[in-house]
Amino acid sequence: MLGRVGLPELIIILLIIILVFGASRLPDIGRGIGKGIRNFKEATRDSRDNPDA
């Protein structure tokens, strides 16, 4: 249904993100996404190591 996302589609998505948030906010957004991914990995690792918690 959605098909594949190729390079032209990714470029269009990136341009839309830049227009919506502005180029100055992109590093903050990336940093926040990175922290979220890191927290998710830690939480899944902790739950795998300690299934009783």
C-alpha atoms as a PDB file:
ATOM      1  CA  MET A   1       0.000   0.000   0.000  1.00  0.00           C
ATOM      2  CA  LEU A   2       2.646   2.528   1.002  1.00  0.00           C
ATOM      3  CA  GLY A   3       5.376   1.121  -1.192  1.00  0.00           C
ATOM      4  CA  ARG A   4       9.035   1.844  -0.827  1.00  0.00           C
ATOM      5  CA  VAL A   5      10.513   5.108   0.332  1.00  0.00           C
ATOM      6  CA  GLY A   6      13.344   6.110  -1.964  1.00  0.00           C
ATOM      7  CA  LEU A   7      15.811   8.970  -2.018  1.00  0.00           C
ATOM      8  CA  PRO A   8      13.478  11.514  -3.677  1.00  0.00           C
ATOM      9  CA  GLU A   9      10.818  10.880  -1.049  1.00  0.00           C
ATOM     10  CA  LEU A  10      13.336  11.230   1.786  1.00  0.00           C
ATOM     11  CA  ILE A  11      14.548  14.546   0.359  1.00  0.00           C
ATOM     12  CA  ILE A  12      10.973  15.838   0.169  1.00  0.00           C
ATOM     13  CA  ILE A  13      10.317  14.755   3.776  1.00  0.00           C
ATOM     14  CA  LEU A  14      13.517  16.467   4.920  1.00  0.00           C
ATOM     15  CA  LEU A  15      12.553  19.699   3.147  1.00  0.00           C
ATOM     16  CA  ILE A  16       9.124  19.651   4.779  1.00  0.00           C
ATOM     17  CA  ILE A  17      10.697  19.116   8.202  1.00  0.00           C
ATOM     18  CA  ILE A  18      13.073  22.035   7.611  1.00  0.00           C
ATOM     19  CA  LEU A  19      10.168  24.258   6.561  1.00  0.00           C
ATOM     20  CA  VAL A  20       8.062  23.313   9.571  1.00  0.00           C
ATOM     21  CA  PHE A  21      10.693  23.415  12.307  1.00  0.00           C
ATOM     22  CA  GLY A  22      13.402  25.621  10.830  1.00  0.00           C
ATOM     23  CA  ALA A  23      17.032  24.759  10.281  1.00  0.00           C
ATOM     24  CA  SER A  24      18.104  26.068  13.709  1.00  0.00           C
ATOM     25  CA  ARG A  25      15.859  23.602  15.567  1.00  0.00           C
ATOM     26  CA  LEU A  26      17.012  20.464  13.711  1.00  0.00           C
ATOM     27  CA  PRO A  27      20.011  19.734  15.999  1.00  0.00           C
ATOM     28  CA  ASP A  28      17.738  19.936  19.057  1.00  0.00           C
ATOM     29  CA  ILE A  29      15.220  17.607  17.446  1.00  0.00           C
ATOM     30  CA  GLY A  30      17.954  15.127  16.509  1.00  0.00           C
ATOM     31  CA  ARG A  31      19.399  15.261  20.009  1.00  0.00           C
ATOM     32  CA  GLY A  32      15.972  14.590  21.513  1.00  0.00           C
ATOM     33  CA  ILE A  33      15.344  11.650  19.193  1.00  0.00           C
ATOM     34  CA  GLY A  34      18.762  10.219  20.073  1.00  0.00           C
ATOM     35  CA  LYS A  35      18.037  10.483  23.801  1.00  0.00           C
ATOM     36  CA  GLY A  36      14.679   8.813  23.301  1.00  0.00           C
ATOM     37  CA  ILE A  37      16.218   5.913  21.392  1.00  0.00           C
ATOM     38  CA  ARG A  38      18.937   5.542  24.034  1.00  0.00           C
ATOM     39  CA  ASN A  39      16.340   5.498  26.850  1.00  0.00           C
ATOM     40  CA  PHE A  40      14.258   2.934  24.972  1.00  0.00           C
ATOM     41  CA  LYS A  41      17.268   0.657  24.497  1.00  0.00           C
ATOM     42  CA  GLU A  42      18.185   0.920  28.186  1.00  0.00           C
ATOM     43  CA  ALA A  43      14.608   0.150  29.252  1.00  0.00           C
ATOM     44  CA  THR A  44      14.355  -2.898  27.008  1.00  0.00           C
ATOM     45  CA  ARG A  45      17.765  -4.130  28.148  1.00  0.00           C
ATOM     46  CA  ASP A  46      16.801  -3.684  31.822  1.00  0.00           C
ATOM     47  CA  SER A  47      13.510  -5.532  31.371  1.00  0.00           C
ATOM     48  CA  ARG A  48      15.284  -8.380  29.568  1.00  0.00           C
ATOM     49  CA  ASP A  49      17.906  -8.681  32.335  1.00  0.00           C
ATOM     50  CA  ASN A  50      15.341  -8.464  35.141  1.00  0.00           C
ATOM     51  CA  PRO A  51      11.980  -9.933  34.003  1.00  0.00           C
ATOM     52  CA  ASP A  52      10.479  -9.742  37.537  1.00  0.00           C
ATOM     53  CA  ALA A  53      10.603  -5.934  37.694  1.00  0.00           C
END
